Amino acid sequence: MKNLSISLFLTLILNVFLAQAVYAATPEEISRTTSYAIALLGLVTVNVCIYLFVVIFQPEKF
């Protein structure tokens, strides 16, 4: 449980930094909330890709 809470905390901190980068790189038409959502979607996509990569090459663990 402790590892889960630490990983969630680190993900949220990383999302704060990524959201600022997304907000700075896009035109002013999107809101700050949308930039946070885009950054979170990017983090989820990368994490799913890593998980699937591990599952494909180490299926005996799962």
C-alpha atoms as a PDB file:
ATOM      1  CA  MET A   1       0.000   0.000   0.000  1.00  0.00           C
ATOM      2  CA  LYS A   2       2.891   2.337   0.766  1.00  0.00           C
ATOM      3  CA  ASN A   3       4.399   1.800  -2.699  1.00  0.00           C
ATOM      4  CA  LEU A   4       1.078   2.594  -4.332  1.00  0.00           C
ATOM      5  CA  SER A   5       0.688   5.867  -2.466  1.00  0.00           C
ATOM      6  CA  ILE A   6       4.245   6.920  -3.275  1.00  0.00           C
ATOM      7  CA  SER A   7       3.808   6.111  -6.961  1.00  0.00           C
ATOM      8  CA  LEU A   8       0.503   8.009  -7.118  1.00  0.00           C
ATOM      9  CA  PHE A   9       2.100  10.994  -5.434  1.00  0.00           C
ATOM     10  CA  LEU A  10       5.025  10.987  -7.858  1.00  0.00           C
ATOM     11  CA  THR A  11       2.633  10.682 -10.798  1.00  0.00           C
ATOM     12  CA  LEU A  12       0.674  13.704  -9.629  1.00  0.00           C
ATOM     13  CA  ILE A  13       3.855  15.739  -9.172  1.00  0.00           C
ATOM     14  CA  LEU A  14       5.034  14.733 -12.644  1.00  0.00           C
ATOM     15  CA  ASN A  15       1.629  15.698 -14.022  1.00  0.00           C
ATOM     16  CA  VAL A  16       1.981  19.190 -12.555  1.00  0.00           C
ATOM     17  CA  PHE A  17       5.256  19.718 -14.400  1.00  0.00           C
ATOM     18  CA  LEU A  18       4.024  18.179 -17.641  1.00  0.00           C
ATOM     19  CA  ALA A  19       0.804  20.183 -17.573  1.00  0.00           C
ATOM     20  CA  GLN A  20       2.772  23.408 -17.344  1.00  0.00           C
ATOM     21  CA  ALA A  21       4.861  22.366 -20.335  1.00  0.00           C
ATOM     22  CA  VAL A  22       1.745  21.480 -22.343  1.00  0.00           C
ATOM     23  CA  TYR A  23       0.098  24.767 -21.368  1.00  0.00           C
ATOM     24  CA  ALA A  24       3.181  26.731 -22.424  1.00  0.00           C
ATOM     25  CA  ALA A  25       3.534  24.902 -25.739  1.00  0.00           C
ATOM     26  CA  THR A  26      -0.055  25.302 -26.906  1.00  0.00           C
ATOM     27  CA  PRO A  27      -1.888  28.397 -28.098  1.00  0.00           C
ATOM     28  CA  GLU A  28      -4.062  30.340 -25.697  1.00  0.00           C
ATOM     29  CA  GLU A  29      -7.281  28.668 -26.870  1.00  0.00           C
ATOM     30  CA  ILE A  30      -7.039  25.792 -24.388  1.00  0.00           C
ATOM     31  CA  SER A  31      -7.599  26.256 -20.698  1.00  0.00           C
ATOM     32  CA  ARG A  32      -5.319  25.273 -17.855  1.00  0.00           C
ATOM     33  CA  THR A  33      -7.680  22.438 -16.908  1.00  0.00           C
ATOM     34  CA  THR A  34      -7.463  21.029 -20.409  1.00  0.00           C
ATOM     35  CA  SER A  35      -3.678  21.094 -20.297  1.00  0.00           C
ATOM     36  CA  TYR A  36      -3.736  19.114 -17.039  1.00  0.00           C
ATOM     37  CA  ALA A  37      -6.064  16.572 -18.655  1.00  0.00           C
ATOM     38  CA  ILE A  38      -3.809  16.247 -21.718  1.00  0.00           C
ATOM     39  CA  ALA A  39      -0.738  15.739 -19.536  1.00  0.00           C
ATOM     40  CA  LEU A  40      -2.534  13.128 -17.423  1.00  0.00           C
ATOM     41  CA  LEU A  41      -3.706  11.322 -20.556  1.00  0.00           C
ATOM     42  CA  GLY A  42      -0.127  11.271 -21.819  1.00  0.00           C
ATOM     43  CA  LEU A  43       1.122   9.805 -18.524  1.00  0.00           C
ATOM     44  CA  VAL A  44      -1.562   7.117 -18.559  1.00  0.00           C
ATOM     45  CA  THR A  45      -0.737   6.219 -22.160  1.00  0.00           C
ATOM     46  CA  VAL A  46       2.982   5.878 -21.421  1.00  0.00           C
ATOM     47  CA  ASN A  47       2.290   3.768 -18.324  1.00  0.00           C
ATOM     48  CA  VAL A  48      -0.023   1.428 -20.244  1.00  0.00           C
ATOM     49  CA  CYS A  49       2.606   1.043 -22.975  1.00  0.00           C
ATOM     50  CA  ILE A  50       5.261   0.151 -20.403  1.00  0.00           C
ATOM     51  CA  TYR A  51       2.911  -2.318 -18.709  1.00  0.00           C
ATOM     52  CA  LEU A  52       2.044  -4.026 -21.992  1.00  0.00           C
ATOM     53  CA  PHE A  53       5.711  -4.183 -22.976  1.00  0.00           C
ATOM     54  CA  VAL A  54       6.507  -5.977 -19.700  1.00  0.00           C
ATOM     55  CA  VAL A  55       3.524  -8.331 -20.059  1.00  0.00           C
ATOM     56  CA  ILE A  56       4.545  -9.288 -23.606  1.00  0.00           C
ATOM     57  CA  PHE A  57       8.152 -10.068 -22.749  1.00  0.00           C
ATOM     58  CA  GLN A  58       7.615 -11.547 -19.256  1.00  0.00           C
ATOM     59  CA  PRO A  59       4.244 -13.318 -19.396  1.00  0.00           C
ATOM     60  CA  GLU A  60       5.127 -15.871 -16.710  1.00  0.00           C
ATOM     61  CA  LYS A  61       4.948 -13.151 -14.032  1.00  0.00           C
ATOM     62  CA  PHE A  62       1.281 -12.551 -14.798  1.00  0.00           C
END
